[in-house]
Amino acid sequence: MPLKDVLLDELRDIYSAENQLVKALPKLAKGANNSKLKELFTAHLEETKGQVERLKEVFAHLEEKPTGEHCDGMEGIVEEGKSALDKDEEGASFDCGLIGAALRTEHYEIAAYQATISMAKTLGMQDVMDLLTENLNEELAAAAKVTEAAKPILLESSEEPEQGKKKPKSAKEKYSAQKSREDEKQATASTRKRAS
């Protein structure tokens, strides 16, 4: 497959990812307890809408359609964000789960933009590189802002008292725990094979 085709697939993937975030960010903003976190999610929603528009410009430069790929990776990350919203945590501990989901999202996007910028550079596509670099810089700034906003939230969470009796796990939490055990078992088996 020619590099330009790989680039198009990657661009369609990140286009799908950004569109999924346009739908997910309002839910994170609504669910956050911390006002600074709410503000960051709301501001990043507007940035994300701008990133979608820049990606449309990239596709216009390439004379291609932006649709055609669904980003399964972002779908999974968005699902983790939904799980964080469903957690039975209170106070700052609840927001800590949202912070983790937000940072996973940002780092996924950062990796996608770094990869596509490298491909565009190799292909000598300066206009495409410039547009993608704008998006990358916004993602890097968003990750830094979330990290900074997290500091007092994490500190507050660390000072919250331990909950005495834990509530029973939901069906979703039980399923997740079972999948985690299966992942560990498969990884351990794979590691043993390599060691032999």
N, C-alpha and C. Protein backbone atom coordinates (compact mmCIF):
# COMPACT_ATOMS: atom_id res chain seq x y z
N MET A 1 0.85 -1.17 0.00
CA MET A 1 0.00 0.00 0.00
C MET A 1 0.90 1.24 0.00
N PRO A 2 0.68 2.18 -0.91
CA PRO A 2 1.49 3.40 -0.94
C PRO A 2 1.31 4.23 0.34
N LEU A 3 2.34 4.98 0.72
CA LEU A 3 2.31 5.78 1.93
C LEU A 3 1.14 6.76 1.93
N LYS A 4 0.82 7.32 0.78
CA LYS A 4 -0.31 8.27 0.73
C LYS A 4 -1.61 7.58 1.14
N ASP A 5 -1.80 6.32 0.76
CA ASP A 5 -3.00 5.59 1.15
C ASP A 5 -3.02 5.31 2.66
N VAL A 6 -1.85 5.01 3.22
CA VAL A 6 -1.76 4.81 4.67
C VAL A 6 -2.11 6.12 5.37
N LEU A 7 -1.57 7.22 4.87
CA LEU A 7 -1.86 8.54 5.44
C LEU A 7 -3.36 8.82 5.40
N LEU A 8 -4.00 8.54 4.28
CA LEU A 8 -5.45 8.76 4.17
C LEU A 8 -6.22 7.93 5.19
N ASP A 9 -5.84 6.67 5.35
CA ASP A 9 -6.50 5.82 6.35
C ASP A 9 -6.33 6.41 7.75
N GLU A 10 -5.12 6.84 8.06
CA GLU A 10 -4.84 7.42 9.38
C GLU A 10 -5.61 8.72 9.58
N LEU A 11 -5.68 9.54 8.55
CA LEU A 11 -6.43 10.80 8.64
C LEU A 11 -7.92 10.54 8.83
N ARG A 12 -8.44 9.55 8.14
CA ARG A 12 -9.86 9.21 8.31
C ARG A 12 -10.12 8.69 9.72
N ASP A 13 -9.16 7.96 10.25
CA ASP A 13 -9.27 7.45 11.60
C ASP A 13 -9.33 8.59 12.61
N ILE A 14 -8.42 9.56 12.49
CA ILE A 14 -8.41 10.67 13.44
C ILE A 14 -9.62 11.58 13.22
N TYR A 15 -10.10 11.68 11.99
CA TYR A 15 -11.32 12.45 11.72
C TYR A 15 -12.50 11.82 12.45
N SER A 16 -12.59 10.50 12.40
CA SER A 16 -13.63 9.79 13.14
C SER A 16 -13.45 10.00 14.64
N ALA A 17 -12.21 9.93 15.11
CA ALA A 17 -11.93 10.11 16.54
C ALA A 17 -12.38 11.49 17.01
N GLU A 18 -12.04 12.51 16.25
CA GLU A 18 -12.42 13.87 16.65
C GLU A 18 -13.94 14.04 16.65
N ASN A 19 -14.61 13.45 15.68
CA ASN A 19 -16.08 13.54 15.65
C ASN A 19 -16.71 12.81 16.83
N GLN A 20 -16.11 11.69 17.23
CA GLN A 20 -16.62 10.99 18.41
C GLN A 20 -16.46 11.85 19.66
N LEU A 21 -15.36 12.61 19.72
CA LEU A 21 -15.14 13.48 20.88
C LEU A 21 -16.10 14.65 20.92
N VAL A 22 -16.51 15.13 19.76
CA VAL A 22 -17.50 16.22 19.73
C VAL A 22 -18.77 15.77 20.45
N LYS A 23 -19.08 14.48 20.35
CA LYS A 23 -20.26 13.95 21.04
C LYS A 23 -19.97 13.65 22.52
N ALA A 24 -18.74 13.24 22.85
CA ALA A 24 -18.42 12.79 24.21
C ALA A 24 -18.08 13.93 25.17
N LEU A 25 -17.43 14.97 24.68
CA LEU A 25 -16.96 16.04 25.58
C LEU A 25 -18.08 16.73 26.36
N PRO A 26 -19.24 16.99 25.75
CA PRO A 26 -20.31 17.62 26.55
C PRO A 26 -20.74 16.75 27.74
N LYS A 27 -20.69 15.44 27.58
CA LYS A 27 -21.06 14.53 28.67
C LYS A 27 -20.03 14.60 29.80
N LEU A 28 -18.75 14.69 29.43
CA LEU A 28 -17.70 14.81 30.45
C LEU A 28 -17.83 16.14 31.18
N ALA A 29 -18.11 17.21 30.42
CA ALA A 29 -18.27 18.54 31.04
C ALA A 29 -19.45 18.54 32.00
N LYS A 30 -20.53 17.94 31.58
CA LYS A 30 -21.73 17.89 32.42
C LYS A 30 -21.48 17.05 33.68
N GLY A 31 -20.73 15.96 33.53
CA GLY A 31 -20.52 15.04 34.64
C GLY A 31 -19.47 15.48 35.64
N ALA A 32 -18.54 16.34 35.23
CA ALA A 32 -17.45 16.75 36.13
C ALA A 32 -17.99 17.54 37.31
N ASN A 33 -17.43 17.28 38.48
CA ASN A 33 -17.79 18.05 39.68
C ASN A 33 -17.00 19.35 39.78
N ASN A 34 -15.73 19.27 39.43
CA ASN A 34 -14.83 20.41 39.55
C ASN A 34 -15.10 21.44 38.45
N SER A 35 -15.26 22.69 38.84
CA SER A 35 -15.61 23.74 37.87
C SER A 35 -14.50 23.97 36.83
N LYS A 36 -13.24 23.87 37.26
CA LYS A 36 -12.12 24.04 36.32
C LYS A 36 -12.13 22.93 35.28
N LEU A 37 -12.42 21.72 35.71
CA LEU A 37 -12.49 20.58 34.80
C LEU A 37 -13.65 20.75 33.81
N LYS A 38 -14.79 21.19 34.31
CA LYS A 38 -15.94 21.47 33.44
C LYS A 38 -15.54 22.48 32.36
N GLU A 39 -14.87 23.53 32.80
CA GLU A 39 -14.44 24.60 31.91
C GLU A 39 -13.47 24.07 30.84
N LEU A 40 -12.52 23.24 31.26
CA LEU A 40 -11.55 22.67 30.32
C LEU A 40 -12.24 21.79 29.27
N PHE A 41 -13.17 20.95 29.70
CA PHE A 41 -13.88 20.08 28.76
C PHE A 41 -14.70 20.91 27.77
N THR A 42 -15.33 21.96 28.26
CA THR A 42 -16.14 22.82 27.39
C THR A 42 -15.26 23.56 26.39
N ALA A 43 -14.14 24.10 26.86
CA ALA A 43 -13.22 24.80 25.96
C ALA A 43 -12.63 23.85 24.93
N HIS A 44 -12.30 22.64 25.35
CA HIS A 44 -11.71 21.69 24.41
C HIS A 44 -12.73 21.21 23.39
N LEU A 45 -14.00 21.23 23.75
CA LEU A 45 -15.04 20.90 22.77
C LEU A 45 -14.97 21.88 21.60
N GLU A 46 -14.83 23.16 21.90
CA GLU A 46 -14.74 24.17 20.83
C GLU A 46 -13.47 23.97 20.01
N GLU A 47 -12.35 23.66 20.68
CA GLU A 47 -11.11 23.37 19.95
C GLU A 47 -11.29 22.15 19.05
N THR A 48 -11.96 21.13 19.57
CA THR A 48 -12.16 19.90 18.80
C THR A 48 -12.99 20.17 17.55
N LYS A 49 -14.00 21.00 17.68
CA LYS A 49 -14.79 21.38 16.50
C LYS A 49 -13.90 22.06 15.46
N GLY A 50 -12.99 22.91 15.92
CA GLY A 50 -12.04 23.56 15.02
C GLY A 50 -11.09 22.55 14.38
N GLN A 51 -10.70 21.54 15.14
CA GLN A 51 -9.82 20.50 14.61
C GLN A 51 -10.51 19.70 13.51
N VAL A 52 -11.80 19.44 13.70
CA VAL A 52 -12.58 18.75 12.66
C VAL A 52 -12.57 19.59 11.38
N GLU A 53 -12.75 20.88 11.53
CA GLU A 53 -12.75 21.77 10.35
C GLU A 53 -11.39 21.77 9.68
N ARG A 54 -10.30 21.80 10.47
CA ARG A 54 -8.97 21.74 9.88
C ARG A 54 -8.75 20.43 9.14
N LEU A 55 -9.24 19.34 9.72
CA LEU A 55 -9.11 18.05 9.03
C LEU A 55 -9.87 18.05 7.71
N LYS A 56 -11.01 18.71 7.67
CA LYS A 56 -11.74 18.84 6.40
C LYS A 56 -10.90 19.59 5.38
N GLU A 57 -10.16 20.61 5.85
CA GLU A 57 -9.25 21.34 4.95
C GLU A 57 -8.16 20.42 4.43
N VAL A 58 -7.63 19.56 5.30
CA VAL A 58 -6.60 18.60 4.89
C VAL A 58 -7.15 17.72 3.76
N PHE A 59 -8.35 17.21 3.94
CA PHE A 59 -8.94 16.35 2.91
C PHE A 59 -9.20 17.13 1.62
N ALA A 60 -9.55 18.39 1.75
CA ALA A 60 -9.75 19.23 0.55
C ALA A 60 -8.42 19.37 -0.20
N HIS A 61 -7.33 19.58 0.52
CA HIS A 61 -6.00 19.65 -0.11
C HIS A 61 -5.68 18.36 -0.85
N LEU A 62 -6.09 17.24 -0.25
CA LEU A 62 -5.79 15.93 -0.83
C LEU A 62 -6.83 15.49 -1.86
N GLU A 63 -7.89 16.31 -2.01
CA GLU A 63 -9.00 16.01 -2.92
C GLU A 63 -9.60 14.64 -2.62
N GLU A 64 -9.84 14.40 -1.34
CA GLU A 64 -10.39 13.14 -0.86
C GLU A 64 -11.53 13.42 0.12
N LYS A 65 -12.38 12.43 0.32
CA LYS A 65 -13.46 12.53 1.31
C LYS A 65 -12.93 12.13 2.68
N PRO A 66 -13.41 12.81 3.75
CA PRO A 66 -12.90 12.48 5.08
C PRO A 66 -13.50 11.23 5.70
N THR A 67 -14.61 10.77 5.21
CA THR A 67 -15.27 9.62 5.82
C THR A 67 -14.75 8.32 5.22
N GLY A 68 -15.05 7.23 5.91
CA GLY A 68 -14.65 5.92 5.39
C GLY A 68 -13.97 5.04 6.41
N GLU A 69 -13.56 5.62 7.53
CA GLU A 69 -12.91 4.85 8.60
C GLU A 69 -13.64 5.16 9.91
N HIS A 70 -13.81 4.14 10.73
CA HIS A 70 -14.31 4.35 12.08
C HIS A 70 -13.17 4.08 13.03
N CYS A 71 -12.93 4.99 13.96
CA CYS A 71 -11.82 4.85 14.89
C CYS A 71 -12.25 4.00 16.08
N ASP A 72 -11.90 2.72 16.01
CA ASP A 72 -12.23 1.79 17.10
C ASP A 72 -11.48 2.15 18.38
N GLY A 73 -10.24 2.64 18.22
CA GLY A 73 -9.45 3.01 19.40
C GLY A 73 -10.12 4.10 20.20
N MET A 74 -10.58 5.14 19.52
CA MET A 74 -11.26 6.23 20.23
C MET A 74 -12.59 5.76 20.79
N GLU A 75 -13.25 4.87 20.08
CA GLU A 75 -14.51 4.33 20.60
C GLU A 75 -14.27 3.67 21.96
N GLY A 76 -13.18 2.93 22.07
CA GLY A 76 -12.84 2.29 23.33
C GLY A 76 -12.50 3.30 24.42
N ILE A 77 -11.77 4.33 24.05
CA ILE A 77 -11.40 5.37 25.02
C ILE A 77 -12.64 6.13 25.48
N VAL A 78 -13.54 6.43 24.54
CA VAL A 78 -14.79 7.11 24.90
C VAL A 78 -15.61 6.22 25.83
N GLU A 79 -15.60 4.93 25.56
CA GLU A 79 -16.33 3.98 26.41
C GLU A 79 -15.75 4.00 27.83
N GLU A 80 -14.43 4.12 27.94
CA GLU A 80 -13.81 4.22 29.26
C GLU A 80 -14.24 5.50 29.96
N GLY A 81 -14.39 6.58 29.20
CA GLY A 81 -14.89 7.83 29.77
C GLY A 81 -16.30 7.67 30.29
N LYS A 82 -17.13 6.94 29.54
CA LYS A 82 -18.50 6.67 30.00
C LYS A 82 -18.47 5.85 31.28
N SER A 83 -17.57 4.88 31.35
CA SER A 83 -17.44 4.06 32.56
C SER A 83 -17.04 4.92 33.75
N ALA A 84 -16.14 5.88 33.52
CA ALA A 84 -15.72 6.78 34.60
C ALA A 84 -16.91 7.59 35.10
N LEU A 85 -17.79 7.98 34.17
CA LEU A 85 -18.99 8.74 34.56
C LEU A 85 -19.97 7.88 35.35
N ASP A 86 -19.95 6.57 35.08
CA ASP A 86 -20.87 5.65 35.75
C ASP A 86 -20.37 5.18 37.12
N LYS A 87 -19.12 5.47 37.44
CA LYS A 87 -18.54 5.00 38.70
C LYS A 87 -19.33 5.56 39.88
N ASP A 88 -19.34 4.80 40.93
CA ASP A 88 -20.06 5.20 42.14
C ASP A 88 -19.14 5.95 43.09
N GLU A 89 -18.27 6.77 42.55
CA GLU A 89 -17.35 7.56 43.37
C GLU A 89 -18.01 8.90 43.68
N GLU A 90 -17.46 9.57 44.67
CA GLU A 90 -17.98 10.88 45.03
C GLU A 90 -16.84 11.87 45.13
N GLY A 91 -17.15 13.15 45.06
CA GLY A 91 -16.17 14.20 45.27
C GLY A 91 -15.03 14.17 44.27
N ALA A 92 -13.85 14.51 44.77
CA ALA A 92 -12.67 14.61 43.91
C ALA A 92 -12.29 13.26 43.30
N SER A 93 -12.55 12.18 44.01
CA SER A 93 -12.21 10.85 43.47
C SER A 93 -12.95 10.58 42.17
N PHE A 94 -14.18 11.04 42.07
CA PHE A 94 -14.96 10.89 40.84
C PHE A 94 -14.25 11.62 39.70
N ASP A 95 -13.83 12.87 39.96
CA ASP A 95 -13.16 13.66 38.92
C ASP A 95 -11.82 13.05 38.52
N CYS A 96 -11.17 12.33 39.44
CA CYS A 96 -9.90 11.68 39.10
C CYS A 96 -10.09 10.67 37.96
N GLY A 97 -11.21 9.96 37.98
CA GLY A 97 -11.50 9.03 36.89
C GLY A 97 -11.67 9.76 35.57
N LEU A 98 -12.30 10.93 35.60
CA LEU A 98 -12.48 11.72 34.38
C LEU A 98 -11.14 12.26 33.88
N ILE A 99 -10.28 12.62 34.80
CA ILE A 99 -8.95 13.11 34.42
C ILE A 99 -8.18 12.01 33.69
N GLY A 100 -8.24 10.79 34.22
CA GLY A 100 -7.57 9.67 33.56
C GLY A 100 -8.10 9.46 32.16
N ALA A 101 -9.42 9.51 32.00
CA ALA A 101 -10.04 9.34 30.68
C ALA A 101 -9.61 10.46 29.74
N ALA A 102 -9.57 11.69 30.26
CA ALA A 102 -9.19 12.84 29.42
C ALA A 102 -7.75 12.73 28.95
N LEU A 103 -6.86 12.34 29.84
CA LEU A 103 -5.44 12.22 29.45
C LEU A 103 -5.21 11.08 28.47
N ARG A 104 -5.93 9.96 28.65
CA ARG A 104 -5.81 8.87 27.66
C ARG A 104 -6.25 9.37 26.28
N THR A 105 -7.32 10.13 26.27
CA THR A 105 -7.83 10.68 25.00
C THR A 105 -6.79 11.58 24.36
N GLU A 106 -6.26 12.51 25.13
CA GLU A 106 -5.29 13.46 24.57
C GLU A 106 -4.05 12.74 24.02
N HIS A 107 -3.55 11.78 24.76
CA HIS A 107 -2.34 11.09 24.31
C HIS A 107 -2.59 10.23 23.07
N TYR A 108 -3.78 9.69 22.96
CA TYR A 108 -4.15 8.94 21.75
C TYR A 108 -4.13 9.89 20.55
N GLU A 109 -4.73 11.06 20.73
CA GLU A 109 -4.77 12.04 19.63
C GLU A 109 -3.37 12.55 19.30
N ILE A 110 -2.57 12.81 20.32
CA ILE A 110 -1.20 13.28 20.10
C ILE A 110 -0.44 12.27 19.24
N ALA A 111 -0.55 11.01 19.57
CA ALA A 111 0.14 9.96 18.80
C ALA A 111 -0.35 9.95 17.35
N ALA A 112 -1.66 10.09 17.16
CA ALA A 112 -2.22 10.07 15.80
C ALA A 112 -1.70 11.25 14.98
N TYR A 113 -1.67 12.43 15.59
CA TYR A 113 -1.18 13.60 14.85
C TYR A 113 0.32 13.50 14.58
N GLN A 114 1.09 13.00 15.54
CA GLN A 114 2.53 12.84 15.29
C GLN A 114 2.79 11.89 14.13
N ALA A 115 2.04 10.80 14.08
CA ALA A 115 2.22 9.83 13.00
C ALA A 115 1.84 10.43 11.64
N THR A 116 0.69 11.12 11.59
CA THR A 116 0.25 11.66 10.30
C THR A 116 1.15 12.81 9.84
N ILE A 117 1.65 13.59 10.78
CA ILE A 117 2.58 14.67 10.41
C ILE A 117 3.86 14.08 9.82
N SER A 118 4.37 13.02 10.41
CA SER A 118 5.58 12.37 9.88
C SER A 118 5.35 11.84 8.47
N MET A 119 4.18 11.26 8.24
CA MET A 119 3.86 10.75 6.90
C MET A 119 3.75 11.90 5.90
N ALA A 120 3.05 12.96 6.29
CA ALA A 120 2.89 14.10 5.39
C ALA A 120 4.24 14.74 5.08
N LYS A 121 5.12 14.79 6.08
CA LYS A 121 6.46 15.36 5.87
C LYS A 121 7.23 14.52 4.86
N THR A 122 7.16 13.21 5.02
CA THR A 122 7.86 12.31 4.09
C THR A 122 7.35 12.50 2.66
N LEU A 123 6.05 12.78 2.54
CA LEU A 123 5.44 12.98 1.22
C LEU A 123 5.58 14.42 0.70
N GLY A 124 6.20 15.29 1.50
CA GLY A 124 6.41 16.67 1.09
C GLY A 124 5.13 17.50 1.05
N MET A 125 4.19 17.20 1.92
CA MET A 125 2.89 17.89 1.95
C MET A 125 2.89 18.97 3.04
N GLN A 126 3.51 20.11 2.75
CA GLN A 126 3.68 21.16 3.76
C GLN A 126 2.35 21.71 4.26
N ASP A 127 1.39 21.97 3.36
CA ASP A 127 0.10 22.51 3.79
C ASP A 127 -0.61 21.56 4.75
N VAL A 128 -0.53 20.27 4.46
CA VAL A 128 -1.14 19.25 5.31
C VAL A 128 -0.42 19.23 6.66
N MET A 129 0.89 19.27 6.62
CA MET A 129 1.68 19.28 7.87
C MET A 129 1.30 20.47 8.74
N ASP A 130 1.16 21.63 8.12
CA ASP A 130 0.85 22.85 8.89
C ASP A 130 -0.49 22.72 9.60
N LEU A 131 -1.51 22.23 8.91
CA LEU A 131 -2.83 22.07 9.50
C LEU A 131 -2.82 21.04 10.63
N LEU A 132 -2.15 19.92 10.38
CA LEU A 132 -2.08 18.87 11.40
C LEU A 132 -1.27 19.33 12.62
N THR A 133 -0.25 20.14 12.38
CA THR A 133 0.57 20.66 13.48
C THR A 133 -0.25 21.59 14.37
N GLU A 134 -1.15 22.36 13.79
CA GLU A 134 -2.04 23.21 14.59
C GLU A 134 -2.88 22.33 15.53
N ASN A 135 -3.42 21.25 14.98
CA ASN A 135 -4.21 20.34 15.82
C ASN A 135 -3.34 19.70 16.91
N LEU A 136 -2.15 19.25 16.53
CA LEU A 136 -1.24 18.64 17.49
C LEU A 136 -0.93 19.60 18.64
N ASN A 137 -0.63 20.85 18.30
CA ASN A 137 -0.29 21.82 19.34
C ASN A 137 -1.46 22.06 20.29
N GLU A 138 -2.68 22.05 19.78
CA GLU A 138 -3.85 22.18 20.65
C GLU A 138 -3.99 20.97 21.57
N GLU A 139 -3.72 19.79 21.04
CA GLU A 139 -3.81 18.57 21.87
C GLU A 139 -2.74 18.57 22.96
N LEU A 140 -1.53 18.98 22.61
CA LEU A 140 -0.47 19.05 23.61
C LEU A 140 -0.82 20.05 24.71
N ALA A 141 -1.38 21.19 24.31
CA ALA A 141 -1.79 22.21 25.29
C ALA A 141 -2.93 21.70 26.15
N ALA A 142 -3.88 20.99 25.55
CA ALA A 142 -5.01 20.45 26.31
C ALA A 142 -4.52 19.44 27.35
N ALA A 143 -3.59 18.57 26.96
CA ALA A 143 -3.04 17.59 27.92
C ALA A 143 -2.34 18.30 29.07
N ALA A 144 -1.60 19.35 28.76
CA ALA A 144 -0.90 20.11 29.80
C ALA A 144 -1.90 20.79 30.75
N LYS A 145 -2.97 21.32 30.20
CA LYS A 145 -3.99 21.98 31.03
C LYS A 145 -4.70 20.98 31.94
N VAL A 146 -5.02 19.81 31.41
CA VAL A 146 -5.67 18.79 32.23
C VAL A 146 -4.72 18.34 33.35
N THR A 147 -3.45 18.15 33.01
CA THR A 147 -2.46 17.74 34.00
C THR A 147 -2.34 18.79 35.11
N GLU A 148 -2.33 20.04 34.73
CA GLU A 148 -2.23 21.12 35.72
C GLU A 148 -3.50 21.19 36.58
N ALA A 149 -4.66 21.09 35.94
CA ALA A 149 -5.92 21.13 36.69
C ALA A 149 -6.06 19.93 37.61
N ALA A 150 -5.41 18.84 37.26
CA ALA A 150 -5.51 17.61 38.05
C ALA A 150 -4.82 17.72 39.41
N LYS A 151 -3.80 18.53 39.51
CA LYS A 151 -2.99 18.57 40.74
C LYS A 151 -3.83 18.82 42.00
N PRO A 152 -4.63 19.88 42.06
CA PRO A 152 -5.41 20.08 43.29
C PRO A 152 -6.51 19.04 43.47
N ILE A 153 -7.03 18.51 42.36
CA ILE A 153 -8.08 17.48 42.45
C ILE A 153 -7.50 16.19 43.02
N LEU A 154 -6.32 15.81 42.54
CA LEU A 154 -5.66 14.61 43.06
C LEU A 154 -5.31 14.77 44.54
N LEU A 155 -4.84 15.95 44.90
CA LEU A 155 -4.50 16.22 46.30
C LEU A 155 -5.75 16.11 47.17
N GLU A 156 -6.83 16.73 46.72
CA GLU A 156 -8.09 16.66 47.46
C GLU A 156 -8.56 15.21 47.60
N SER A 157 -8.45 14.46 46.52
CA SER A 157 -8.87 13.06 46.54
C SER A 157 -8.03 12.26 47.52
N SER A 158 -6.74 12.56 47.58
CA SER A 158 -5.86 11.81 48.48
C SER A 158 -6.20 12.06 49.95
N GLU A 159 -6.87 13.17 50.21
CA GLU A 159 -7.24 13.52 51.58
C GLU A 159 -8.64 13.05 51.96
N GLU A 160 -9.37 12.51 50.99
CA GLU A 160 -10.72 12.01 51.28
C GLU A 160 -10.60 10.72 52.08
N PRO A 161 -11.51 10.53 53.03
CA PRO A 161 -11.44 9.31 53.85
C PRO A 161 -11.75 8.06 53.02
N GLU A 162 -11.13 6.96 53.43
CA GLU A 162 -11.42 5.67 52.79
C GLU A 162 -12.87 5.31 53.08
N GLN A 163 -13.54 4.74 52.10
CA GLN A 163 -14.91 4.29 52.34
C GLN A 163 -14.83 2.95 53.06
N GLY A 164 -15.61 2.83 54.12
CA GLY A 164 -15.59 1.61 54.92
C GLY A 164 -15.95 0.37 54.13
N LYS A 165 -17.20 0.16 53.92
CA LYS A 165 -17.66 -1.04 53.23
C LYS A 165 -17.88 -0.70 51.75
N LYS A 166 -17.24 -1.48 50.89
CA LYS A 166 -17.41 -1.25 49.46
C LYS A 166 -18.75 -1.79 49.00
N LYS A 167 -19.32 -1.08 48.05
CA LYS A 167 -20.61 -1.51 47.50
C LYS A 167 -20.36 -2.68 46.56
N PRO A 168 -21.37 -3.53 46.38
CA PRO A 168 -21.20 -4.66 45.46
C PRO A 168 -20.93 -4.16 44.04
N LYS A 169 -20.17 -4.95 43.31
CA LYS A 169 -19.84 -4.58 41.93
C LYS A 169 -21.06 -4.70 41.04
N SER A 170 -21.12 -3.78 40.07
CA SER A 170 -22.19 -3.85 39.07
C SER A 170 -21.85 -4.97 38.09
N ALA A 171 -22.79 -5.33 37.26
CA ALA A 171 -22.56 -6.37 36.24
C ALA A 171 -21.43 -5.94 35.31
N LYS A 172 -21.38 -4.66 34.97
CA LYS A 172 -20.34 -4.15 34.08
C LYS A 172 -18.97 -4.26 34.75
N GLU A 173 -18.89 -3.94 36.04
CA GLU A 173 -17.62 -4.04 36.77
C GLU A 173 -17.18 -5.49 36.91
N LYS A 174 -18.12 -6.40 37.13
CA LYS A 174 -17.79 -7.83 37.21
C LYS A 174 -17.26 -8.33 35.87
N TYR A 175 -17.90 -7.92 34.78
CA TYR A 175 -17.46 -8.31 33.44
C TYR A 175 -16.05 -7.78 33.18
N SER A 176 -15.81 -6.52 33.54
CA SER A 176 -14.51 -5.91 33.34
C SER A 176 -13.43 -6.64 34.14
N ALA A 177 -13.75 -7.00 35.37
CA ALA A 177 -12.79 -7.73 36.21
C ALA A 177 -12.46 -9.10 35.60
N GLN A 178 -13.48 -9.78 35.07
CA GLN A 178 -13.27 -11.07 34.43
C GLN A 178 -12.38 -10.93 33.20
N LYS A 179 -12.64 -9.91 32.38
CA LYS A 179 -11.83 -9.67 31.18
C LYS A 179 -10.38 -9.36 31.57
N SER A 180 -10.20 -8.62 32.64
CA SER A 180 -8.86 -8.29 33.12
C SER A 180 -8.10 -9.55 33.53
N ARG A 181 -8.79 -10.46 34.22
CA ARG A 181 -8.15 -11.72 34.61
C ARG A 181 -7.77 -12.54 33.37
N GLU A 182 -8.66 -12.55 32.36
CA GLU A 182 -8.37 -13.27 31.12
C GLU A 182 -7.17 -12.65 30.40
N ASP A 183 -7.10 -11.32 30.35
CA ASP A 183 -5.97 -10.64 29.72
C ASP A 183 -4.66 -11.02 30.42
N GLU A 184 -4.70 -11.02 31.75
CA GLU A 184 -3.51 -11.36 32.52
C GLU A 184 -3.08 -12.80 32.25
N LYS A 185 -4.05 -13.71 32.23
CA LYS A 185 -3.75 -15.12 31.98
C LYS A 185 -3.11 -15.31 30.60
N GLN A 186 -3.66 -14.66 29.58
CA GLN A 186 -3.12 -14.77 28.22
C GLN A 186 -1.72 -14.16 28.14
N ALA A 187 -1.53 -13.02 28.78
CA ALA A 187 -0.22 -12.37 28.75
C ALA A 187 0.82 -13.21 29.47
N THR A 188 0.42 -13.82 30.60
CA THR A 188 1.35 -14.66 31.35
C THR A 188 1.74 -15.87 30.52
N ALA A 189 0.78 -16.48 29.85
CA ALA A 189 1.07 -17.65 29.00
C ALA A 189 2.01 -17.25 27.86
N SER A 190 1.77 -16.10 27.28
CA SER A 190 2.61 -15.61 26.18
C SER A 190 4.03 -15.32 26.66
N THR A 191 4.15 -14.74 27.84
CA THR A 191 5.46 -14.44 28.41
C THR A 191 6.23 -15.71 28.72
N ARG A 192 5.54 -16.70 29.22
CA ARG A 192 6.21 -17.98 29.53
C ARG A 192 6.74 -18.65 28.28
N LYS A 193 5.97 -18.57 27.17
CA LYS A 193 6.41 -19.17 25.91
C LYS A 193 7.69 -18.51 25.42
N ARG A 194 7.78 -17.19 25.54
CA ARG A 194 8.97 -16.47 25.09
C ARG A 194 10.17 -16.80 25.95
N ALA A 195 9.92 -16.98 27.25
CA ALA A 195 11.02 -17.25 28.18
C ALA A 195 11.61 -18.64 27.99
N SER A 196 10.81 -19.59 27.43
CA SER A 196 11.30 -20.96 27.27
C SER A 196 12.21 -21.10 26.10
